Amino acid sequence: MSGAWDGLIVMGLLVLLLVLGVRKLRPKVHIPWKTSAIVLVFIFVCMLLWAWSWR
């Protein structure tokens, strides 16, 4: 497997863990955002960090 897919696989696993964590915490802690909004912000931050690393 090429190195280009490794980052995508890791990011997908992190998103999966984020979704599971948010859904598990939601009954205990009030989280004002929807799960999909949290995932989108997480992906946006990852893309920004990736772009910053390539400058």
C-alpha atoms as a PDB file:
ATOM      1  CA  MET A   1       0.000   0.000   0.000  1.00  0.00           C
ATOM      2  CA  SER A   2       1.345   3.406  -0.888  1.00  0.00           C
ATOM      3  CA  GLY A   3       2.057   6.081   1.688  1.00  0.00           C
ATOM      4  CA  ALA A   4      -0.619   8.330   0.194  1.00  0.00           C
ATOM      5  CA  TRP A   5      -3.398   6.126   1.549  1.00  0.00           C
ATOM      6  CA  ASP A   6      -1.946   5.791   5.049  1.00  0.00           C
ATOM      7  CA  GLY A   7      -2.951   9.314   6.050  1.00  0.00           C
ATOM      8  CA  LEU A   8      -6.453   8.820   4.701  1.00  0.00           C
ATOM      9  CA  ILE A   9      -6.873   5.579   6.643  1.00  0.00           C
ATOM     10  CA  VAL A  10      -5.580   7.164   9.865  1.00  0.00           C
ATOM     11  CA  MET A  11      -7.840  10.207   9.405  1.00  0.00           C
ATOM     12  CA  GLY A  12     -10.829   7.930   8.793  1.00  0.00           C
ATOM     13  CA  LEU A  13     -10.094   5.988  11.972  1.00  0.00           C
ATOM     14  CA  LEU A  14      -9.729   9.233  13.935  1.00  0.00           C
ATOM     15  CA  VAL A  15     -13.084  10.469  12.612  1.00  0.00           C
ATOM     16  CA  LEU A  16     -14.672   7.152  13.574  1.00  0.00           C
ATOM     17  CA  LEU A  17     -13.241   7.380  17.100  1.00  0.00           C
ATOM     18  CA  LEU A  18     -14.368  11.018  17.336  1.00  0.00           C
ATOM     19  CA  VAL A  19     -17.941  10.097  16.351  1.00  0.00           C
ATOM     20  CA  LEU A  20     -18.048   7.196  18.809  1.00  0.00           C
ATOM     21  CA  GLY A  21     -16.583   9.345  21.584  1.00  0.00           C
ATOM     22  CA  VAL A  22     -19.027  12.198  21.018  1.00  0.00           C
ATOM     23  CA  ARG A  23     -22.004   9.843  20.948  1.00  0.00           C
ATOM     24  CA  LYS A  24     -20.858   8.191  24.176  1.00  0.00           C
ATOM     25  CA  LEU A  25     -20.246  11.509  25.946  1.00  0.00           C
ATOM     26  CA  ARG A  26     -23.408  13.231  24.748  1.00  0.00           C
ATOM     27  CA  PRO A  27     -25.724  11.754  27.431  1.00  0.00           C
ATOM     28  CA  LYS A  28     -23.264  12.748  30.197  1.00  0.00           C
ATOM     29  CA  VAL A  29     -22.047  16.150  28.977  1.00  0.00           C
ATOM     30  CA  HIS A  30     -23.990  18.815  27.104  1.00  0.00           C
ATOM     31  CA  ILE A  31     -22.295  19.260  23.719  1.00  0.00           C
ATOM     32  CA  PRO A  32     -23.891  22.184  21.868  1.00  0.00           C
ATOM     33  CA  TRP A  33     -22.833  21.056  18.370  1.00  0.00           C
ATOM     34  CA  LYS A  34     -24.176  18.224  16.269  1.00  0.00           C
ATOM     35  CA  THR A  35     -21.843  15.284  15.716  1.00  0.00           C
ATOM     36  CA  SER A  36     -21.588  16.050  11.992  1.00  0.00           C
ATOM     37  CA  ALA A  37     -20.496  19.635  12.714  1.00  0.00           C
ATOM     38  CA  ILE A  38     -17.777  18.408  15.081  1.00  0.00           C
ATOM     39  CA  VAL A  39     -16.523  15.954  12.436  1.00  0.00           C
ATOM     40  CA  LEU A  40     -16.480  18.667   9.750  1.00  0.00           C
ATOM     41  CA  VAL A  41     -14.498  21.035  11.989  1.00  0.00           C
ATOM     42  CA  PHE A  42     -12.061  18.218  12.805  1.00  0.00           C
ATOM     43  CA  ILE A  43     -11.521  17.441   9.101  1.00  0.00           C
ATOM     44  CA  PHE A  44     -11.103  21.150   8.323  1.00  0.00           C
ATOM     45  CA  VAL A  45      -8.462  21.519  11.053  1.00  0.00           C
ATOM     46  CA  CYS A  46      -6.638  18.409   9.785  1.00  0.00           C
ATOM     47  CA  MET A  47      -6.615  19.830   6.251  1.00  0.00           C
ATOM     48  CA  LEU A  48      -5.314  23.175   7.519  1.00  0.00           C
ATOM     49  CA  LEU A  49      -2.518  21.463   9.434  1.00  0.00           C
ATOM     50  CA  TRP A  50      -1.679  19.355   6.387  1.00  0.00           C
ATOM     51  CA  ALA A  51      -1.534  22.442   4.161  1.00  0.00           C
ATOM     52  CA  TRP A  52       0.566  24.277   6.753  1.00  0.00           C
ATOM     53  CA  SER A  53       3.065  21.403   6.834  1.00  0.00           C
ATOM     54  CA  TRP A  54       3.558  21.624   3.042  1.00  0.00           C
ATOM     55  CA  ARG A  55       4.449  25.319   2.930  1.00  0.00           C
END
